[in-house]
Protein backbone atom coordinates (compact mmCIF):
# COMPACT_ATOMS: atom_id res chain seq x y z
CA MET A 1 61.97 15.23 -29.77
CA THR A 2 61.02 12.64 -27.21
CA ARG A 3 57.74 12.62 -25.28
CA ARG A 4 58.18 12.68 -21.55
CA ARG A 5 56.80 9.48 -20.05
CA VAL A 6 54.59 9.77 -16.99
CA PRO A 7 55.79 7.40 -14.29
CA VAL A 8 53.55 4.42 -13.74
CA ARG A 9 53.19 5.35 -10.07
CA SER A 10 51.88 8.85 -10.97
CA ARG A 11 49.32 7.42 -13.39
CA TRP A 12 48.19 4.96 -10.73
CA ARG A 13 47.82 7.74 -8.16
CA ARG A 14 45.76 9.81 -10.59
CA GLN A 15 43.44 6.89 -11.28
CA VAL A 16 43.04 6.19 -7.57
CA ARG A 17 42.23 9.88 -7.00
CA ARG A 18 39.59 9.85 -9.75
CA PHE A 19 38.09 6.64 -8.41
CA GLY A 20 38.01 8.12 -4.91
CA ILE A 21 36.20 11.25 -6.14
CA THR A 22 33.69 9.12 -8.08
CA ALA A 23 33.12 6.83 -5.08
CA LEU A 24 32.62 9.84 -2.80
CA PHE A 25 30.08 11.28 -5.22
CA VAL A 26 28.18 7.95 -5.36
CA VAL A 27 28.18 7.64 -1.55
CA VAL A 28 26.97 11.23 -1.02
CA ALA A 29 24.33 11.02 -3.76
CA GLY A 30 23.20 7.60 -2.52
CA GLY A 31 23.00 8.90 1.04
CA LEU A 32 20.93 11.90 -0.03
CA TRP A 33 18.61 9.63 -2.06
CA TYR A 34 18.21 7.21 0.86
CA SER A 35 17.55 10.05 3.28
CA GLN A 36 14.90 11.54 0.99
CA GLU A 37 13.37 8.11 0.36
CA ARG A 38 13.26 7.34 4.10
CA ASP A 39 11.68 10.75 4.67
CA GLN A 40 8.95 10.05 2.11
CA ARG A 41 8.32 6.56 3.49
CA ASP A 42 8.01 7.89 7.04
CA ARG A 43 5.54 10.52 5.84
CA LEU A 44 3.27 7.90 4.26
CA ALA A 45 3.75 5.00 6.70
CA TRP A 46 3.28 5.62 10.41
CA MET A 47 5.64 3.47 12.51
CA GLY A 48 7.40 2.02 9.47
CA VAL A 49 6.44 0.23 6.28
CA PRO A 50 5.10 -3.33 6.64
CA GLU A 51 7.76 -6.03 6.70
CA TRP A 52 7.63 -9.78 6.11
CA GLN A 53 7.69 -11.99 9.18
CA THR A 54 9.59 -14.73 7.33
CA LEU A 55 11.31 -14.05 4.02
CA THR A 56 9.96 -16.42 1.36
CA PRO A 57 9.45 -16.01 -2.41
CA THR A 58 5.78 -15.20 -1.79
CA SER A 59 6.46 -12.63 0.95
CA PHE A 60 9.30 -10.77 -0.79
CA HIS A 61 8.21 -7.40 -2.17
CA ARG A 62 9.60 -4.12 -3.44
CA VAL A 63 8.42 -0.71 -2.21
CA LEU A 64 7.10 1.51 -5.00
CA ARG A 65 6.76 5.16 -3.97
CA ASN A 66 4.01 7.35 -5.36
CA ASP A 67 3.03 10.93 -4.54
CA GLY A 68 0.34 10.04 -2.00
CA PHE A 69 0.90 6.37 -1.18
CA LEU A 70 3.38 3.49 -1.00
CA VAL A 71 2.93 0.08 -2.63
CA GLY A 72 4.56 -3.16 -1.44
CA TRP A 73 4.71 -4.90 -4.82
CA SER A 74 5.13 -8.67 -5.30
CA ASP A 75 6.46 -9.89 -8.67
CA VAL A 76 5.53 -13.46 -7.66
CA ARG A 77 1.87 -12.83 -6.91
CA VAL A 78 1.81 -9.95 -9.44
CA ASN A 79 -0.12 -7.98 -6.83
CA PRO A 80 0.45 -5.32 -4.21
CA LEU A 81 0.86 -7.14 -0.87
CA TRP A 82 0.10 -3.86 0.91
CA VAL A 83 -0.63 -0.22 0.17
CA SER A 84 -0.02 2.46 2.78
CA TYR A 85 -1.36 6.03 2.83
CA LEU A 86 -2.12 8.84 5.26
CA LEU A 87 -5.36 10.84 5.08
CA HIS A 88 -6.04 14.17 6.77
CA GLU A 89 -8.77 16.78 6.73
CA VAL A 90 -8.89 19.31 3.89
CA ASP A 91 -10.96 22.49 3.76
CA GLU A 92 -12.61 21.90 0.38
CA PRO A 93 -12.57 18.22 -0.67
CA ARG A 94 -12.40 18.08 -4.44
CA ALA A 95 -11.50 15.29 -6.86
CA GLY A 96 -10.62 15.64 -10.52
CA GLN A 97 -12.00 13.70 -13.45
CA ARG A 98 -11.60 9.94 -13.22
CA PRO A 99 -8.36 9.07 -15.10
CA ASP A 100 -7.75 6.05 -17.32
CA PHE A 101 -6.04 2.93 -16.00
CA ARG A 102 -2.46 2.49 -17.17
CA GLN A 103 0.46 0.08 -16.96
CA ASP A 104 3.20 0.73 -14.40
CA TRP A 105 6.68 0.34 -15.94
CA ARG A 106 8.16 -0.50 -12.51
CA THR A 107 6.48 -3.93 -12.34
CA LEU A 108 8.41 -6.91 -13.70
CA TRP A 109 5.40 -8.32 -15.58
CA PRO A 110 3.37 -6.23 -18.06
CA ILE A 111 -0.14 -5.73 -16.65
CA ALA A 112 -2.12 -3.66 -19.13
CA ALA A 113 -5.23 -1.59 -18.48
CA ASP A 114 -7.34 -4.20 -20.31
CA SER A 115 -5.78 -7.25 -18.60
CA TYR A 116 -8.93 -7.97 -16.54
CA PHE A 117 -11.44 -7.66 -19.39
CA GLY A 118 -13.78 -10.65 -19.68
CA SER A 119 -12.54 -12.18 -16.39
CA GLY A 120 -15.59 -11.33 -14.26
CA TYR A 121 -13.36 -9.33 -11.87
CA ASP A 122 -13.18 -5.57 -11.38
CA ARG A 123 -9.94 -3.60 -11.33
CA GLY A 124 -10.10 -2.93 -7.59
CA HIS A 125 -8.21 0.08 -6.22
CA LEU A 126 -6.24 -0.38 -3.02
CA ALA A 127 -5.23 3.27 -2.58
CA PRO A 128 -8.68 4.75 -3.33
CA ASN A 129 -9.12 7.21 -6.18
CA TYR A 130 -11.36 9.71 -4.36
CA ALA A 131 -9.61 9.88 -0.97
CA ILE A 132 -6.14 10.16 -2.49
CA ALA A 133 -7.39 12.83 -4.93
CA VAL A 134 -8.90 15.12 -2.29
CA VAL A 135 -5.98 14.79 0.15
CA HIS A 136 -2.92 14.44 -2.09
CA GLY A 137 -3.94 16.12 -5.34
CA PRO A 138 -4.41 15.35 -9.06
CA GLU A 139 -1.00 13.78 -9.75
CA ALA A 140 -1.45 11.34 -6.87
CA GLN A 141 -4.96 10.58 -8.14
CA GLN A 142 -3.51 9.73 -11.57
CA GLN A 143 -1.07 7.32 -9.91
CA THR A 144 -3.89 5.41 -8.19
CA PHE A 145 -4.87 4.22 -11.67
CA GLN A 146 -1.53 2.51 -12.26
CA MET A 147 -2.06 -1.24 -12.42
CA SER A 148 0.42 -1.69 -9.54
CA ASN A 149 -2.33 -0.28 -7.26
CA ILE A 150 -4.97 -2.67 -8.58
CA SER A 151 -6.07 -6.17 -7.54
CA PRO A 152 -8.91 -8.40 -8.88
CA GLN A 153 -12.12 -7.89 -6.89
CA ARG A 154 -15.56 -9.33 -7.49
CA PRO A 155 -18.08 -6.60 -8.45
CA ASP A 156 -20.26 -6.91 -5.31
CA LEU A 157 -17.17 -6.43 -3.16
CA ASN A 158 -15.50 -3.67 -5.18
CA ARG A 159 -18.57 -1.59 -6.00
CA ARG A 160 -20.51 -2.09 -2.80
CA LEU A 161 -18.98 -3.37 0.47
CA TRP A 162 -15.37 -2.25 -0.19
CA GLN A 163 -16.53 1.08 -1.59
CA ARG A 164 -18.70 1.66 1.49
CA LEU A 165 -15.70 1.10 3.77
CA GLU A 166 -13.55 3.49 1.73
CA GLU A 167 -16.33 6.08 1.93
CA VAL A 168 -16.69 5.73 5.71
CA VAL A 169 -12.93 6.25 6.13
CA ILE A 170 -12.74 9.53 4.19
CA ASP A 171 -16.20 10.93 5.01
CA HIS A 172 -16.51 9.95 8.68
CA PHE A 173 -13.26 8.79 10.28
CA VAL A 174 -11.04 11.52 8.83
CA PRO A 175 -13.34 14.39 10.00
CA ARG A 176 -13.77 12.66 13.37
CA PHE A 177 -10.05 12.20 14.10
CA GLY A 178 -8.29 14.69 11.79
CA VAL A 179 -5.66 12.18 10.59
CA VAL A 180 -5.80 8.45 9.92
CA GLN A 181 -3.23 5.97 8.64
CA VAL A 182 -4.54 3.24 6.32
CA ILE A 183 -2.85 0.02 5.24
CA THR A 184 -4.74 -2.24 2.88
CA GLY A 185 -4.10 -5.24 0.67
CA PRO A 186 -5.05 -8.76 -0.44
CA VAL A 187 -5.28 -12.00 1.54
CA PHE A 188 -4.28 -15.16 -0.29
CA PRO A 189 -4.90 -18.82 0.60
CA GLU A 190 -2.38 -20.22 3.07
CA ARG A 191 -0.76 -22.58 0.57
CA PHE A 192 0.64 -20.86 -2.51
CA LEU A 193 0.34 -24.00 -4.66
CA ASP A 194 -3.41 -24.19 -3.91
CA ASN A 195 -3.92 -20.86 -5.67
CA VAL A 196 -1.02 -20.66 -8.11
CA THR A 197 -3.18 -21.17 -11.24
CA ASN A 198 -6.09 -19.04 -9.99
CA ARG A 199 -5.19 -15.97 -11.98
CA VAL A 200 -6.48 -13.23 -14.23
CA GLY A 201 -3.77 -13.45 -16.86
CA LEU A 202 -0.60 -13.13 -14.76
CA VAL A 203 -2.32 -11.66 -11.69
CA GLU A 204 -3.12 -14.02 -8.79
CA ILE A 205 -6.69 -13.71 -7.48
CA PRO A 206 -6.91 -13.05 -3.72
CA ALA A 207 -9.39 -14.85 -1.48
CA ALA A 208 -10.12 -11.71 0.55
CA PHE A 209 -8.92 -8.17 1.29
CA TYR A 210 -7.89 -6.44 4.51
CA LYS A 211 -7.93 -2.83 5.61
CA ILE A 212 -6.28 -1.47 8.78
CA ILE A 213 -7.19 2.04 9.94
CA VAL A 214 -5.16 3.68 12.70
CA VAL A 215 -5.50 6.98 14.52
CA PRO A 216 -1.81 7.81 15.09
CA ALA A 217 -2.23 9.57 18.45
CA GLU A 218 -0.20 9.34 21.66
CA THR A 219 -2.50 6.46 22.56
CA PRO A 220 -3.27 5.07 19.10
CA MET A 221 -6.60 3.47 18.13
CA ALA A 222 -7.12 0.93 15.37
CA LEU A 223 -9.77 -0.98 13.44
CA ALA A 224 -9.04 -3.86 11.08
CA PHE A 225 -11.27 -5.63 8.57
CA ILE A 226 -10.98 -8.72 6.38
CA MET A 227 -13.59 -8.93 3.62
CA PRO A 228 -13.91 -12.07 1.48
CA GLN A 229 -14.53 -11.94 -2.25
CA GLU A 230 -17.93 -13.66 -1.88
CA VAL A 231 -20.16 -10.97 -0.38
CA ARG A 232 -23.54 -9.52 -1.34
CA GLY A 233 -22.29 -6.01 -0.64
CA ASP A 234 -25.03 -4.84 1.74
CA GLU A 235 -23.66 -6.51 4.89
CA PRO A 236 -22.83 -4.34 7.95
CA LEU A 237 -19.18 -3.33 7.96
CA ASP A 238 -18.71 -4.49 11.54
CA ASP A 239 -19.44 -8.09 10.48
CA TYR A 240 -15.88 -8.14 9.14
CA LEU A 241 -13.96 -6.72 12.09
CA VAL A 242 -10.81 -8.64 13.10
CA SER A 243 -7.69 -7.90 15.14
CA ILE A 244 -4.49 -6.68 13.47
CA ASP A 245 -2.85 -9.85 14.79
CA GLU A 246 -5.28 -11.87 12.67
CA VAL A 247 -4.41 -9.85 9.56
CA GLU A 248 -0.72 -10.47 10.27
CA ALA A 249 -1.37 -14.20 10.68
CA ARG A 250 -3.30 -14.34 7.39
CA THR A 251 -0.80 -12.28 5.37
CA GLY A 252 2.60 -13.05 6.93
CA LEU A 253 3.27 -9.32 7.26
CA ASP A 254 4.42 -7.36 10.29
CA PHE A 255 2.58 -4.03 10.47
CA PHE A 256 3.95 -0.98 12.31
CA PRO A 257 7.35 -2.62 12.99
CA ARG A 258 8.69 0.44 14.86
CA LEU A 259 5.86 0.43 17.39
CA PRO A 260 7.06 -0.36 20.97
CA GLU A 261 6.18 -3.93 21.90
CA GLU A 262 3.83 -3.08 24.77
CA VAL A 263 1.91 -0.58 22.58
CA ALA A 264 1.77 -3.09 19.71
CA GLU A 265 0.30 -5.77 21.99
CA ALA A 266 -2.48 -3.45 23.14
CA LEU A 267 -3.20 -2.07 19.66
CA GLU A 268 -2.95 -5.26 17.61
CA GLY A 269 -4.13 -8.03 19.90
CA SER A 270 -7.86 -7.31 20.20
CA VAL A 271 -10.85 -5.73 18.46
CA ALA A 272 -11.69 -2.42 20.16
CA THR A 273 -14.42 -0.25 18.63
CA GLU A 274 -14.80 2.31 21.42
CA GLY A 275 -14.52 5.87 20.17
CA TRP A 276 -15.07 5.11 16.49
CA ALA A 277 -18.91 5.44 16.46
CA LEU A 278 -18.85 2.53 14.03
CA GLU A 279 -22.48 1.65 14.81
CA GLU A 280 -23.51 4.96 13.19
CA VAL A 281 -21.88 4.18 9.84
CA ALA A 282 -21.67 0.37 9.56
CA ARG A 283 -24.96 0.11 7.65
CA LEU A 284 -24.79 3.26 5.53
CA PRO A 285 -25.43 2.65 1.81
CA GLY A 286 -22.56 3.36 -0.56
CA ARG A 287 -22.23 6.36 -2.84
CA PHE A 288 -23.19 4.26 -5.88
CA GLN A 289 -26.05 2.25 -4.32
């Protein structure tokens, strides 16, 4: 009894058909994933995620998505270059117990919870524990303690001046405007080689930190701050006001890339404090002072 041989052409057609079905599945699944990912990014980043102005090894970053915030992670600086999150009013603000710090498996280099011990630097949150907890819930709060959301900050900055600014955003600006978009991150010296060995373990130490707060209305309003590491902590917040253009110049990032050019020029080119009532909160003591 002889086995009937399948013609080579038939086998080839069958393989092509299988490949076509597999490719179609990959394209559809990839499209669905991209659509969902774009949806999540748009929800957490008004007018688009920050982009680099010029692609260099120090500006390249990957976007890590979390439940309540996005992280632009740099494997060269071993730091978030930016963190973006949206805050809105909630009826009963409530935060859970403070979680433990933990390593994020998505980063190329292993940064452990104890990596900063003995360095003289705090593990400084960029997406803040309390604000993310009350707006986005307990799982998002847990994710703020991943080391991909952390950057080295001197204690007087982290526990005093920076904490005061975070408190003003959630306790005063959010109730005042209903919704605010925040983008925050580190500022490094202009020349990478000048700071390349200034590290806590693998993590490069920033010279300063920025925070941009936007009211995403039809006519948007914005405040931007750059705070150096060397502060006492009791300075008025408005001492550190800058334009968004200055933050872009210091970081090499392009914020709100989908904003129309004429709107971007008005929003980013100057320091405008009208409507924020900043004078009422600039000298408030922090929660832990």
